[in-house]
Amino acid sequence: MAPARKPQPPSFAAEHRRHVLKTLLYAALAAGGLVAGPAHADDWPSKPIKVIVPYTPGGSTDIVTRIVVEKLGPRLKQTIIVENRPGANSSVGSAIAAKAAPDGYTFLSILPAYIINFHLYKLGYKPDDLVPVAQMADLPLFLFVAQDLPVNSVAELVEYARKHPDKLTYASSGNGSSAHLTGADFALRNKITMTHVAYKGSAPILTDLLGGRVSMVFDPILVPMQYVKQNRLKALGFTGKQRWPTEPSIPTMEEAGMPGFVTGSWAGLMAPANTPKPIIERMAREISEIVQEPDVRQKFLDAGFLPASGTSAQFAELMKQDSARYAGIIKQARITVD
């Protein structure tokens, strides 16, 4: 009796025919509405939306995002979940968003660190993996200094730095943060030397600033200003174009003797590349309307933010301009990271 023949694997041609027939069958069923196809912008949103904040809870980005999301959910008639994914100067959360499906159900809230990272780090995602949706807020910065530092103006601070080279230290929430590069820019413009001290978050910065273990920081108004009012810190200047409404006694950096030193941070929303354009336009429109609502404007002001509205194209232009500016500071200051 002849041995049974072993079953032979299907040939490539047979597999190819089977794949083609399966594809044609699926397409026919989808056309007839018998199977679910990809989601369309007209159906959006039909399930909860996730907004990734690549920082710890309680920081500037987190606060801005939650204020906006609180209003955005009812407008879209859908639940919006804020998910904090901190780490590596925002690149951990950014990488997660960059790999998400472009279906309008994942967004990323960012600060300028997002664009700065591309100039400093090797990242697991590319600039075009995410696209701008809308800016939400401007975050102008104040120059706060330790109470025991013997200066009471920007001019005195610069003079002190020149008389005591390498004695001044400036803090930031991490290498490549906007506070880091703002401090570096301050040193470059005044031809002084300062040592950068990177922290993991704002809380330890405040602790060391209050204790005099670090000299200064460029930071939003939110937390440090209460200590200025208690005479435990000093605020020497403001990086906005005009004085802050609730702190009219603090001069702008330009008024303090630094022409052109108008800078700051901002918060905005990104989406995975290829997210349907109608969804991005809808989100931008809703955000622009939300940040102009009186109660939202007041919440922003109380937290040290200014509402910002506009299209995704306008936000993209802002990011482009700031990317070039920060690249120049990084090059001139010879900033590198490990």
C-alpha atoms as a PDB file:
ATOM      1  CA  MET A   1       0.000   0.000   0.000  1.00  0.00           C
ATOM      2  CA  ALA A   2       1.478   3.313  -1.055  1.00  0.00           C
ATOM      3  CA  PRO A   3       2.103   5.827   1.751  1.00  0.00           C
ATOM      4  CA  ALA A   4      -0.374   8.690   2.013  1.00  0.00           C
ATOM      5  CA  ARG A   5       0.807  11.857   0.406  1.00  0.00           C
ATOM      6  CA  LYS A   6       1.457  14.767   2.757  1.00  0.00           C
ATOM      7  CA  PRO A   7      -0.791  17.746   2.116  1.00  0.00           C
ATOM      8  CA  GLN A   8       1.092  20.376   0.163  1.00  0.00           C
ATOM      9  CA  PRO A   9       0.989  24.042   1.134  1.00  0.00           C
ATOM     10  CA  PRO A  10      -1.082  26.158  -1.221  1.00  0.00           C
ATOM     11  CA  SER A  11       0.869  27.777  -4.012  1.00  0.00           C
ATOM     12  CA  PHE A  12       1.447  31.545  -4.104  1.00  0.00           C
ATOM     13  CA  ALA A  13      -0.937  31.806  -7.058  1.00  0.00           C
ATOM     14  CA  ALA A  14      -3.693  30.008  -5.149  1.00  0.00           C
ATOM     15  CA  GLU A  15      -3.182  32.228  -2.103  1.00  0.00           C
ATOM     16  CA  HIS A  16      -3.267  35.307  -4.282  1.00  0.00           C
ATOM     17  CA  ARG A  17      -6.548  34.226  -5.920  1.00  0.00           C
ATOM     18  CA  ARG A  18      -8.060  33.552  -2.506  1.00  0.00           C
ATOM     19  CA  HIS A  19      -6.979  36.992  -1.234  1.00  0.00           C
ATOM     20  CA  VAL A  20      -8.433  38.744  -4.295  1.00  0.00           C
ATOM     21  CA  LEU A  21     -11.769  36.914  -3.968  1.00  0.00           C
ATOM     22  CA  LYS A  22     -11.914  37.748  -0.231  1.00  0.00           C
ATOM     23  CA  THR A  23     -11.212  41.418  -0.923  1.00  0.00           C
ATOM     24  CA  LEU A  24     -13.850  41.603  -3.649  1.00  0.00           C
ATOM     25  CA  LEU A  25     -16.421  39.916  -1.403  1.00  0.00           C
ATOM     26  CA  TYR A  26     -15.687  42.316   1.485  1.00  0.00           C
ATOM     27  CA  ALA A  27     -15.959  45.323  -0.828  1.00  0.00           C
ATOM     28  CA  ALA A  28     -19.311  44.117  -2.173  1.00  0.00           C
ATOM     29  CA  LEU A  29     -20.677  43.592   1.333  1.00  0.00           C
ATOM     30  CA  ALA A  30     -19.409  46.989   2.509  1.00  0.00           C
ATOM     31  CA  ALA A  31     -21.007  48.690  -0.468  1.00  0.00           C
ATOM     32  CA  GLY A  32     -24.278  47.106   0.487  1.00  0.00           C
ATOM     33  CA  GLY A  33     -23.941  48.243   4.087  1.00  0.00           C
ATOM     34  CA  LEU A  34     -23.628  44.688   5.413  1.00  0.00           C
ATOM     35  CA  VAL A  35     -20.258  45.299   7.134  1.00  0.00           C
ATOM     36  CA  ALA A  36     -18.896  48.368   8.882  1.00  0.00           C
ATOM     37  CA  GLY A  37     -16.485  50.525   6.933  1.00  0.00           C
ATOM     38  CA  PRO A  38     -14.171  53.240   8.287  1.00  0.00           C
ATOM     39  CA  ALA A  39     -15.682  56.065  10.302  1.00  0.00           C
ATOM     40  CA  HIS A  40     -16.651  59.212   8.394  1.00  0.00           C
ATOM     41  CA  ALA A  41     -16.406  62.812   9.578  1.00  0.00           C
ATOM     42  CA  ASP A  42     -20.199  63.080   9.274  1.00  0.00           C
ATOM     43  CA  ASP A  43     -20.599  60.466  12.007  1.00  0.00           C
ATOM     44  CA  TRP A  44     -18.033  62.060  14.324  1.00  0.00           C
ATOM     45  CA  PRO A  45     -17.947  61.876  17.272  1.00  0.00           C
ATOM     46  CA  SER A  46     -19.727  58.623  17.950  1.00  0.00           C
ATOM     47  CA  LYS A  47     -17.593  57.520  20.927  1.00  0.00           C
ATOM     48  CA  PRO A  48     -15.455  59.118  23.669  1.00  0.00           C
ATOM     49  CA  ILE A  49     -12.516  61.294  22.598  1.00  0.00           C
ATOM     50  CA  LYS A  50      -9.104  61.142  24.285  1.00  0.00           C
ATOM     51  CA  VAL A  51      -6.833  64.150  24.749  1.00  0.00           C
ATOM     52  CA  ILE A  52      -3.296  63.235  25.787  1.00  0.00           C
ATOM     53  CA  VAL A  53      -1.497  65.726  28.037  1.00  0.00           C
ATOM     54  CA  PRO A  54       2.227  64.849  27.995  1.00  0.00           C
ATOM     55  CA  TYR A  55       2.801  66.392  31.424  1.00  0.00           C
ATOM     56  CA  THR A  56       1.813  65.704  35.031  1.00  0.00           C
ATOM     57  CA  PRO A  57      -1.570  66.878  36.345  1.00  0.00           C
ATOM     58  CA  GLY A  58      -1.745  70.439  37.641  1.00  0.00           C
ATOM     59  CA  GLY A  59       0.731  72.011  35.229  1.00  0.00           C
ATOM     60  CA  SER A  60      -0.009  74.755  32.700  1.00  0.00           C
ATOM     61  CA  THR A  61      -0.854  72.399  29.835  1.00  0.00           C
ATOM     62  CA  ASP A  62      -3.079  70.269  32.019  1.00  0.00           C
ATOM     63  CA  ILE A  63      -4.994  73.261  33.377  1.00  0.00           C
ATOM     64  CA  VAL A  64      -5.570  74.842  29.955  1.00  0.00           C
ATOM     65  CA  THR A  65      -6.661  71.526  28.473  1.00  0.00           C
ATOM     66  CA  ARG A  66      -9.137  70.740  31.243  1.00  0.00           C
ATOM     67  CA  ILE A  67     -10.707  74.206  31.096  1.00  0.00           C
ATOM     68  CA  VAL A  68     -11.273  73.816  27.346  1.00  0.00           C
ATOM     69  CA  VAL A  69     -12.373  70.182  27.518  1.00  0.00           C
ATOM     70  CA  GLU A  70     -14.987  71.013  30.160  1.00  0.00           C
ATOM     71  CA  LYS A  71     -16.750  73.157  27.556  1.00  0.00           C
ATOM     72  CA  LEU A  72     -15.864  71.083  24.502  1.00  0.00           C
ATOM     73  CA  GLY A  73     -17.564  67.874  25.662  1.00  0.00           C
ATOM     74  CA  PRO A  74     -21.102  69.322  25.802  1.00  0.00           C
ATOM     75  CA  ARG A  75     -20.591  71.068  22.456  1.00  0.00           C
ATOM     76  CA  LEU A  76     -19.621  67.793  20.781  1.00  0.00           C
ATOM     77  CA  LYS A  77     -22.183  65.858  22.847  1.00  0.00           C
ATOM     78  CA  GLN A  78     -19.524  63.329  23.724  1.00  0.00           C
ATOM     79  CA  THR A  79     -17.291  62.378  26.649  1.00  0.00           C
ATOM     80  CA  ILE A  80     -13.728  63.697  26.447  1.00  0.00           C
ATOM     81  CA  ILE A  81     -11.083  61.965  28.531  1.00  0.00           C
ATOM     82  CA  VAL A  82      -7.888  63.778  29.522  1.00  0.00           C
ATOM     83  CA  GLU A  83      -5.030  61.297  29.851  1.00  0.00           C
ATOM     84  CA  ASN A  84      -1.759  62.454  31.444  1.00  0.00           C
ATOM     85  CA  ARG A  85       1.261  60.706  29.920  1.00  0.00           C
ATOM     86  CA  PRO A  86       4.324  62.632  31.178  1.00  0.00           C
ATOM     87  CA  GLY A  87       7.987  61.929  30.482  1.00  0.00           C
ATOM     88  CA  ALA A  88      11.052  62.962  28.454  1.00  0.00           C
ATOM     89  CA  ASN A  89      10.071  66.618  28.053  1.00  0.00           C
ATOM     90  CA  SER A  90       6.663  65.673  26.585  1.00  0.00           C
ATOM     91  CA  SER A  91       8.017  63.187  24.025  1.00  0.00           C
ATOM     92  CA  VAL A  92       6.475  60.125  25.726  1.00  0.00           C
ATOM     93  CA  GLY A  93       2.915  61.380  25.327  1.00  0.00           C
ATOM     94  CA  SER A  94       3.697  62.837  21.910  1.00  0.00           C
ATOM     95  CA  ALA A  95       4.933  59.458  20.655  1.00  0.00           C
ATOM     96  CA  ILE A  96       1.715  57.790  21.800  1.00  0.00           C
ATOM     97  CA  ALA A  97      -0.393  60.366  19.966  1.00  0.00           C
ATOM     98  CA  ALA A  98       1.776  60.131  16.837  1.00  0.00           C
ATOM     99  CA  LYS A  99       1.053  56.407  16.596  1.00  0.00           C
ATOM    100  CA  ALA A 100      -2.687  56.725  17.233  1.00  0.00           C
ATOM    101  CA  ALA A 101      -5.287  56.092  14.541  1.00  0.00           C
ATOM    102  CA  PRO A 102      -6.156  59.258  12.573  1.00  0.00           C
ATOM    103  CA  ASP A 103      -9.860  58.884  13.229  1.00  0.00           C
ATOM    104  CA  GLY A 104     -10.572  61.992  15.285  1.00  0.00           C
ATOM    105  CA  TYR A 105     -10.624  60.208  18.636  1.00  0.00           C
ATOM    106  CA  THR A 106      -7.091  61.007  19.829  1.00  0.00           C
ATOM    107  CA  PHE A 107      -5.577  64.458  20.243  1.00  0.00           C
ATOM    108  CA  LEU A 108      -2.442  65.825  21.884  1.00  0.00           C
ATOM    109  CA  SER A 109      -2.111  68.981  23.955  1.00  0.00           C
ATOM    110  CA  ILE A 110       1.296  70.616  23.551  1.00  0.00           C
ATOM    111  CA  LEU A 111       3.626  73.397  24.689  1.00  0.00           C
ATOM    112  CA  PRO A 112       6.598  74.754  22.676  1.00  0.00           C
ATOM    113  CA  ALA A 113       8.696  71.863  24.037  1.00  0.00           C
ATOM    114  CA  TYR A 114       7.040  69.760  21.347  1.00  0.00           C
ATOM    115  CA  ILE A 115       8.768  71.673  18.525  1.00  0.00           C
ATOM    116  CA  ILE A 116      11.971  72.235  20.508  1.00  0.00           C
ATOM    117  CA  ASN A 117      12.430  68.495  20.987  1.00  0.00           C
ATOM    118  CA  PHE A 118      13.019  67.987  17.266  1.00  0.00           C
ATOM    119  CA  HIS A 119      16.106  70.219  17.506  1.00  0.00           C
ATOM    120  CA  LEU A 120      17.581  68.408  20.503  1.00  0.00           C
ATOM    121  CA  TYR A 121      16.567  64.746  20.580  1.00  0.00           C
ATOM    122  CA  LYS A 122      16.341  61.707  18.383  1.00  0.00           C
ATOM    123  CA  LEU A 123      12.656  60.932  18.592  1.00  0.00           C
ATOM    124  CA  GLY A 124      10.583  57.934  17.662  1.00  0.00           C
ATOM    125  CA  TYR A 125       8.239  60.093  15.596  1.00  0.00           C
ATOM    126  CA  LYS A 126       8.580  62.768  12.903  1.00  0.00           C
ATOM    127  CA  PRO A 127       7.276  66.357  12.728  1.00  0.00           C
ATOM    128  CA  ASP A 128       4.714  65.387  10.090  1.00  0.00           C
ATOM    129  CA  ASP A 129       3.299  62.517  12.179  1.00  0.00           C
ATOM    130  CA  LEU A 130       1.070  65.057  13.920  1.00  0.00           C
ATOM    131  CA  VAL A 131      -0.717  68.093  12.488  1.00  0.00           C
ATOM    132  CA  PRO A 132      -1.820  71.359  14.167  1.00  0.00           C
ATOM    133  CA  VAL A 133      -5.457  71.714  15.158  1.00  0.00           C
ATOM    134  CA  ALA A 134      -5.632  75.009  17.056  1.00  0.00           C
ATOM    135  CA  GLN A 135      -3.875  77.183  19.574  1.00  0.00           C
ATOM    136  CA  MET A 136      -5.744  77.434  22.860  1.00  0.00           C
ATOM    137  CA  ALA A 137      -3.796  79.932  24.973  1.00  0.00           C
ATOM    138  CA  ASP A 138      -0.778  82.182  25.276  1.00  0.00           C
ATOM    139  CA  LEU A 139       1.327  81.648  28.381  1.00  0.00           C
ATOM    140  CA  PRO A 140       3.468  84.766  28.906  1.00  0.00           C
ATOM    141  CA  LEU A 141       6.270  84.406  31.420  1.00  0.00           C
ATOM    142  CA  PHE A 142       7.376  86.406  34.436  1.00  0.00           C
ATOM    143  CA  LEU A 143      10.974  86.684  35.591  1.00  0.00           C
ATOM    144  CA  PHE A 144      10.960  85.537  39.210  1.00  0.00           C
ATOM    145  CA  VAL A 145      14.099  85.745  41.360  1.00  0.00           C
ATOM    146  CA  ALA A 146      14.970  84.531  44.850  1.00  0.00           C
ATOM    147  CA  GLN A 147      14.159  86.964  47.644  1.00  0.00           C
ATOM    148  CA  ASP A 148      17.724  86.983  48.992  1.00  0.00           C
ATOM    149  CA  LEU A 149      19.245  87.888  45.623  1.00  0.00           C
ATOM    150  CA  PRO A 150      20.436  91.517  46.064  1.00  0.00           C
ATOM    151  CA  VAL A 151      18.665  92.908  42.981  1.00  0.00           C
ATOM    152  CA  ASN A 152      15.359  94.691  42.444  1.00  0.00           C
ATOM    153  CA  SER A 153      15.280  95.242  38.678  1.00  0.00           C
ATOM    154  CA  VAL A 154      16.334  93.577  35.441  1.00  0.00           C
ATOM    155  CA  ALA A 155      19.178  96.083  35.071  1.00  0.00           C
ATOM    156  CA  GLU A 156      20.466  95.261  38.552  1.00  0.00           C
ATOM    157  CA  LEU A 157      20.206  91.538  37.794  1.00  0.00           C
ATOM    158  CA  VAL A 158      22.321  91.917  34.662  1.00  0.00           C
ATOM    159  CA  GLU A 159      24.880  94.043  36.515  1.00  0.00           C
ATOM    160  CA  TYR A 160      25.031  91.477  39.314  1.00  0.00           C
ATOM    161  CA  ALA A 161      25.644  88.716  36.788  1.00  0.00           C
ATOM    162  CA  ARG A 162      28.508  90.671  35.226  1.00  0.00           C
ATOM    163  CA  LYS A 163      30.138  91.290  38.600  1.00  0.00           C
ATOM    164  CA  HIS A 164      29.640  87.686  39.710  1.00  0.00           C
ATOM    165  CA  PRO A 165      30.227  85.501  36.632  1.00  0.00           C
ATOM    166  CA  ASP A 166      28.889  81.963  36.862  1.00  0.00           C
ATOM    167  CA  LYS A 167      27.135  82.660  40.177  1.00  0.00           C
ATOM    168  CA  LEU A 168      23.610  83.000  38.779  1.00  0.00           C
ATOM    169  CA  THR A 169      21.555  79.860  38.157  1.00  0.00           C
ATOM    170  CA  TYR A 170      18.276  79.663  36.284  1.00  0.00           C
ATOM    171  CA  ALA A 171      15.711  76.903  36.562  1.00  0.00           C
ATOM    172  CA  SER A 172      13.419  75.220  34.070  1.00  0.00           C
ATOM    173  CA  SER A 173      11.110  72.228  33.995  1.00  0.00           C
ATOM    174  CA  GLY A 174      13.512  70.339  31.740  1.00  0.00           C
ATOM    175  CA  ASN A 175      16.148  70.512  29.025  1.00  0.00           C
ATOM    176  CA  GLY A 176      14.564  71.997  25.941  1.00  0.00           C
ATOM    177  CA  SER A 177      11.604  73.572  27.725  1.00  0.00           C
ATOM    178  CA  SER A 178      10.581  77.094  26.762  1.00  0.00           C
ATOM    179  CA  ALA A 179      11.771  78.311  30.182  1.00  0.00           C
ATOM    180  CA  HIS A 180      15.194  76.782  29.463  1.00  0.00           C
ATOM    181  CA  LEU A 181      15.534  78.529  26.111  1.00  0.00           C
ATOM    182  CA  THR A 182      14.080  81.808  27.423  1.00  0.00           C
ATOM    183  CA  GLY A 183      16.752  81.837  30.128  1.00  0.00           C
ATOM    184  CA  ALA A 184      19.431  81.023  27.563  1.00  0.00           C
ATOM    185  CA  ASP A 185      18.155  83.830  25.337  1.00  0.00           C
ATOM    186  CA  PHE A 186      18.263  86.252  28.291  1.00  0.00           C
ATOM    187  CA  ALA A 187      21.904  85.347  28.919  1.00  0.00           C
ATOM    188  CA  LEU A 188      22.835  85.677  25.238  1.00  0.00           C
ATOM    189  CA  ARG A 189      21.215  89.079  24.819  1.00  0.00           C
ATOM    190  CA  ASN A 190      22.955  90.464  27.905  1.00  0.00           C
ATOM    191  CA  LYS A 191      26.276  88.707  27.291  1.00  0.00           C
ATOM    192  CA  ILE A 192      26.270  87.133  30.744  1.00  0.00           C
ATOM    193  CA  THR A 193      26.930  83.613  31.959  1.00  0.00           C
ATOM    194  CA  MET A 194      24.338  81.655  33.925  1.00  0.00           C
ATOM    195  CA  THR A 195      24.083  77.989  34.822  1.00  0.00           C
ATOM    196  CA  HIS A 196      20.947  76.131  33.768  1.00  0.00           C
ATOM    197  CA  VAL A 197      19.379  73.772  36.330  1.00  0.00           C
ATOM    198  CA  ALA A 198      16.807  71.353  34.908  1.00  0.00           C
ATOM    199  CA  TYR A 199      14.028  70.081  37.157  1.00  0.00           C
ATOM    200  CA  LYS A 200      11.289  67.516  36.693  1.00  0.00           C
ATOM    201  CA  GLY A 201       8.240  69.707  37.040  1.00  0.00           C
ATOM    202  CA  SER A 202       7.367  73.066  38.595  1.00  0.00           C
ATOM    203  CA  ALA A 203       6.975  72.079  42.247  1.00  0.00           C
ATOM    204  CA  PRO A 204      10.673  71.394  42.975  1.00  0.00           C
ATOM    205  CA  ILE A 205      11.635  74.611  41.149  1.00  0.00           C
ATOM    206  CA  LEU A 206       9.450  76.652  43.474  1.00  0.00           C
ATOM    207  CA  THR A 207      10.836  74.886  46.540  1.00  0.00           C
ATOM    208  CA  ASP A 208      14.436  75.644  45.566  1.00  0.00           C
ATOM    209  CA  LEU A 209      13.635  79.197  44.452  1.00  0.00           C
ATOM    210  CA  LEU A 210      12.005  79.922  47.808  1.00  0.00           C
ATOM    211  CA  GLY A 211      14.999  78.377  49.552  1.00  0.00           C
ATOM    212  CA  GLY A 212      17.492  80.401  47.510  1.00  0.00           C
ATOM    213  CA  ARG A 213      19.091  77.286  46.031  1.00  0.00           C
ATOM    214  CA  VAL A 214      18.412  78.549  42.506  1.00  0.00           C
ATOM    215  CA  SER A 215      18.568  82.221  41.492  1.00  0.00           C
ATOM    216  CA  MET A 216      15.750  82.739  38.998  1.00  0.00           C
ATOM    217  CA  VAL A 217      13.179  81.271  36.660  1.00  0.00           C
ATOM    218  CA  PHE A 218      10.981  82.391  33.763  1.00  0.00           C
ATOM    219  CA  ASP A 219       7.580  80.990  34.672  1.00  0.00           C
ATOM    220  CA  PRO A 220       3.840  81.638  34.258  1.00  0.00           C
ATOM    221  CA  ILE A 221       2.113  83.656  36.959  1.00  0.00           C
ATOM    222  CA  LEU A 222      -0.025  80.824  38.351  1.00  0.00           C
ATOM    223  CA  VAL A 223       1.862  79.705  41.490  1.00  0.00           C
ATOM    224  CA  PRO A 224       4.898  81.945  42.113  1.00  0.00           C
ATOM    225  CA  MET A 225       2.990  85.254  42.231  1.00  0.00           C
ATOM    226  CA  GLN A 226       1.365  84.433  45.562  1.00  0.00           C
ATOM    227  CA  TYR A 227       4.850  84.264  47.071  1.00  0.00           C
ATOM    228  CA  VAL A 228       5.739  87.625  45.546  1.00  0.00           C
ATOM    229  CA  LYS A 229       2.799  89.114  47.432  1.00  0.00           C
ATOM    230  CA  GLN A 230       4.158  87.490  50.616  1.00  0.00           C
ATOM    231  CA  ASN A 231       7.600  89.047  49.973  1.00  0.00           C
ATOM    232  CA  ARG A 232       9.158  85.608  49.610  1.00  0.00           C
ATOM    233  CA  LEU A 233      10.008  86.052  45.900  1.00  0.00           C
ATOM    234  CA  LYS A 234      10.557  89.005  43.573  1.00  0.00           C
ATOM    235  CA  ALA A 235       9.060  89.514  40.113  1.00  0.00           C
ATOM    236  CA  LEU A 236      11.319  91.731  37.996  1.00  0.00           C
ATOM    237  CA  GLY A 237       9.758  91.605  34.539  1.00  0.00           C
ATOM    238  CA  PHE A 238       7.132  90.231  32.184  1.00  0.00           C
ATOM    239  CA  THR A 239       7.766  88.821  28.690  1.00  0.00           C
ATOM    240  CA  GLY A 240       4.463  89.954  27.151  1.00  0.00           C
ATOM    241  CA  LYS A 241       3.912  92.946  24.878  1.00  0.00           C
ATOM    242  CA  GLN A 242       1.889  94.773  27.540  1.00  0.00           C
ATOM    243  CA  ARG A 243       1.832  94.617  31.324  1.00  0.00           C
ATOM    244  CA  TRP A 244      -0.255  91.870  32.867  1.00  0.00           C
ATOM    245  CA  PRO A 245      -3.743  93.210  33.709  1.00  0.00           C
ATOM    246  CA  THR A 246      -3.702  92.187  37.373  1.00  0.00           C
ATOM    247  CA  GLU A 247      -0.028  93.044  37.975  1.00  0.00           C
ATOM    248  CA  PRO A 248       0.378  96.535  36.475  1.00  0.00           C
ATOM    249  CA  SER A 249       3.376  97.385  38.675  1.00  0.00           C
ATOM    250  CA  ILE A 250       5.599  94.771  36.995  1.00  0.00           C
ATOM    251  CA  PRO A 251       7.266  96.177  33.852  1.00  0.00           C
ATOM    252  CA  THR A 252       7.542  94.320  30.574  1.00  0.00           C
ATOM    253  CA  MET A 253      11.037  93.128  29.709  1.00  0.00           C
ATOM    254  CA  GLU A 254      11.133  95.781  26.999  1.00  0.00           C
ATOM    255  CA  GLU A 255      10.280  98.494  29.520  1.00  0.00           C
ATOM    256  CA  ALA A 256      12.949  97.029  31.812  1.00  0.00           C
ATOM    257  CA  GLY A 257      15.632  97.702  29.211  1.00  0.00           C
ATOM    258  CA  MET A 258      15.533  94.735  26.853  1.00  0.00           C
ATOM    259  CA  PRO A 259      14.114  95.846  23.472  1.00  0.00           C
ATOM    260  CA  GLY A 260      12.584  93.006  21.486  1.00  0.00           C
ATOM    261  CA  PHE A 261      12.490  90.581  24.396  1.00  0.00           C
ATOM    262  CA  VAL A 262       8.851  89.599  23.847  1.00  0.00           C
ATOM    263  CA  THR A 263       8.450  85.870  24.228  1.00  0.00           C
ATOM    264  CA  GLY A 264       6.554  83.262  26.144  1.00  0.00           C
ATOM    265  CA  SER A 265       4.914  79.908  25.959  1.00  0.00           C
ATOM    266  CA  TRP A 266       1.626  78.734  24.477  1.00  0.00           C
ATOM    267  CA  ALA A 267      -0.673  75.740  24.550  1.00  0.00           C
ATOM    268  CA  GLY A 268      -2.261  74.122  21.534  1.00  0.00           C
ATOM    269  CA  LEU A 269      -3.846  70.962  20.212  1.00  0.00           C
ATOM    270  CA  MET A 270      -2.451  68.470  17.688  1.00  0.00           C
ATOM    271  CA  ALA A 271      -3.939  65.459  15.894  1.00  0.00           C
ATOM    272  CA  PRO A 272      -2.447  62.401  14.168  1.00  0.00           C
ATOM    273  CA  ALA A 273      -1.615  63.071  10.521  1.00  0.00           C
ATOM    274  CA  ASN A 274      -4.415  62.201   8.077  1.00  0.00           C
ATOM    275  CA  THR A 275      -7.143  62.978  10.588  1.00  0.00           C
ATOM    276  CA  PRO A 276     -10.081  64.061   8.390  1.00  0.00           C
ATOM    277  CA  LYS A 277      -9.898  67.782   7.637  1.00  0.00           C
ATOM    278  CA  PRO A 278     -13.569  68.427   8.555  1.00  0.00           C
ATOM    279  CA  ILE A 279     -12.861  67.085  12.060  1.00  0.00           C
ATOM    280  CA  ILE A 280      -9.817  69.318  12.489  1.00  0.00           C
ATOM    281  CA  GLU A 281     -11.769  72.338  11.236  1.00  0.00           C
ATOM    282  CA  ARG A 282     -14.649  71.560  13.603  1.00  0.00           C
ATOM    283  CA  MET A 283     -12.287  71.260  16.571  1.00  0.00           C
ATOM    284  CA  ALA A 284     -10.521  74.519  15.689  1.00  0.00           C
ATOM    285  CA  ARG A 285     -13.826  76.339  15.350  1.00  0.00           C
ATOM    286  CA  GLU A 286     -15.179  75.017  18.662  1.00  0.00           C
ATOM    287  CA  ILE A 287     -11.963  75.872  20.531  1.00  0.00           C
ATOM    288  CA  SER A 288     -11.873  79.401  19.099  1.00  0.00           C
ATOM    289  CA  GLU A 289     -15.405  79.998  20.344  1.00  0.00           C
ATOM    290  CA  ILE A 290     -14.811  78.372  23.732  1.00  0.00           C
ATOM    291  CA  VAL A 291     -11.768  80.446  24.700  1.00  0.00           C
ATOM    292  CA  GLN A 292     -13.692  83.667  24.015  1.00  0.00           C
ATOM    293  CA  GLU A 293     -16.478  82.793  26.443  1.00  0.00           C
ATOM    294  CA  PRO A 294     -16.379  85.225  29.418  1.00  0.00           C
ATOM    295  CA  ASP A 295     -16.076  82.561  32.125  1.00  0.00           C
ATOM    296  CA  VAL A 296     -13.297  80.755  30.239  1.00  0.00           C
ATOM    297  CA  ARG A 297     -11.413  84.033  29.695  1.00  0.00           C
ATOM    298  CA  GLN A 298     -11.634  84.718  33.429  1.00  0.00           C
ATOM    299  CA  LYS A 299     -10.403  81.226  34.337  1.00  0.00           C
ATOM    300  CA  PHE A 300      -7.501  81.667  31.928  1.00  0.00           C
ATOM    301  CA  LEU A 301      -6.647  85.073  33.364  1.00  0.00           C
ATOM    302  CA  ASP A 302      -6.779  83.758  36.932  1.00  0.00           C
ATOM    303  CA  ALA A 303      -4.368  80.980  35.953  1.00  0.00           C
ATOM    304  CA  GLY A 304      -2.000  83.292  34.070  1.00  0.00           C
ATOM    305  CA  PHE A 305      -3.094  82.513  30.510  1.00  0.00           C
ATOM    306  CA  LEU A 306      -4.455  84.590  27.670  1.00  0.00           C
ATOM    307  CA  PRO A 307      -7.047  83.065  25.322  1.00  0.00           C
ATOM    308  CA  ALA A 308      -5.833  82.486  21.772  1.00  0.00           C
ATOM    309  CA  SER A 309      -8.008  81.599  18.833  1.00  0.00           C
ATOM    310  CA  GLY A 310      -7.510  80.974  15.146  1.00  0.00           C
ATOM    311  CA  THR A 311      -7.324  78.364  12.428  1.00  0.00           C
ATOM    312  CA  SER A 312      -5.081  75.336  12.196  1.00  0.00           C
ATOM    313  CA  ALA A 313      -3.102  77.158   9.489  1.00  0.00           C
ATOM    314  CA  GLN A 314      -2.449  80.090  11.833  1.00  0.00           C
ATOM    315  CA  PHE A 315      -1.302  77.726  14.567  1.00  0.00           C
ATOM    316  CA  ALA A 316       0.979  75.960  12.088  1.00  0.00           C
ATOM    317  CA  GLU A 317       2.568  79.308  11.172  1.00  0.00           C
ATOM    318  CA  LEU A 318       3.161  80.148  14.840  1.00  0.00           C
ATOM    319  CA  MET A 319       4.850  76.789  15.359  1.00  0.00           C
ATOM    320  CA  LYS A 320       7.007  77.321  12.271  1.00  0.00           C
ATOM    321  CA  GLN A 321       8.173  80.758  13.415  1.00  0.00           C
ATOM    322  CA  ASP A 322       8.901  79.614  16.966  1.00  0.00           C
ATOM    323  CA  SER A 323      10.728  76.526  15.730  1.00  0.00           C
ATOM    324  CA  ALA A 324      13.104  78.731  13.730  1.00  0.00           C
ATOM    325  CA  ARG A 325      13.582  81.117  16.680  1.00  0.00           C
ATOM    326  CA  TYR A 326      14.310  78.340  19.152  1.00  0.00           C
ATOM    327  CA  ALA A 327      16.667  76.657  16.678  1.00  0.00           C
ATOM    328  CA  GLY A 328      18.644  79.905  16.564  1.00  0.00           C
ATOM    329  CA  ILE A 329      18.900  80.096  20.359  1.00  0.00           C
ATOM    330  CA  ILE A 330      19.961  76.442  20.573  1.00  0.00           C
ATOM    331  CA  LYS A 331      22.682  76.991  17.992  1.00  0.00           C
ATOM    332  CA  GLN A 332      23.952  80.266  19.421  1.00  0.00           C
ATOM    333  CA  ALA A 333      23.960  79.006  23.006  1.00  0.00           C
ATOM    334  CA  ARG A 334      25.396  75.643  21.900  1.00  0.00           C
ATOM    335  CA  ILE A 335      22.740  73.766  23.820  1.00  0.00           C
ATOM    336  CA  THR A 336      22.991  69.989  23.717  1.00  0.00           C
ATOM    337  CA  VAL A 337      21.348  67.223  25.720  1.00  0.00           C
ATOM    338  CA  ASP A 338      22.440  63.709  26.614  1.00  0.00           C
END
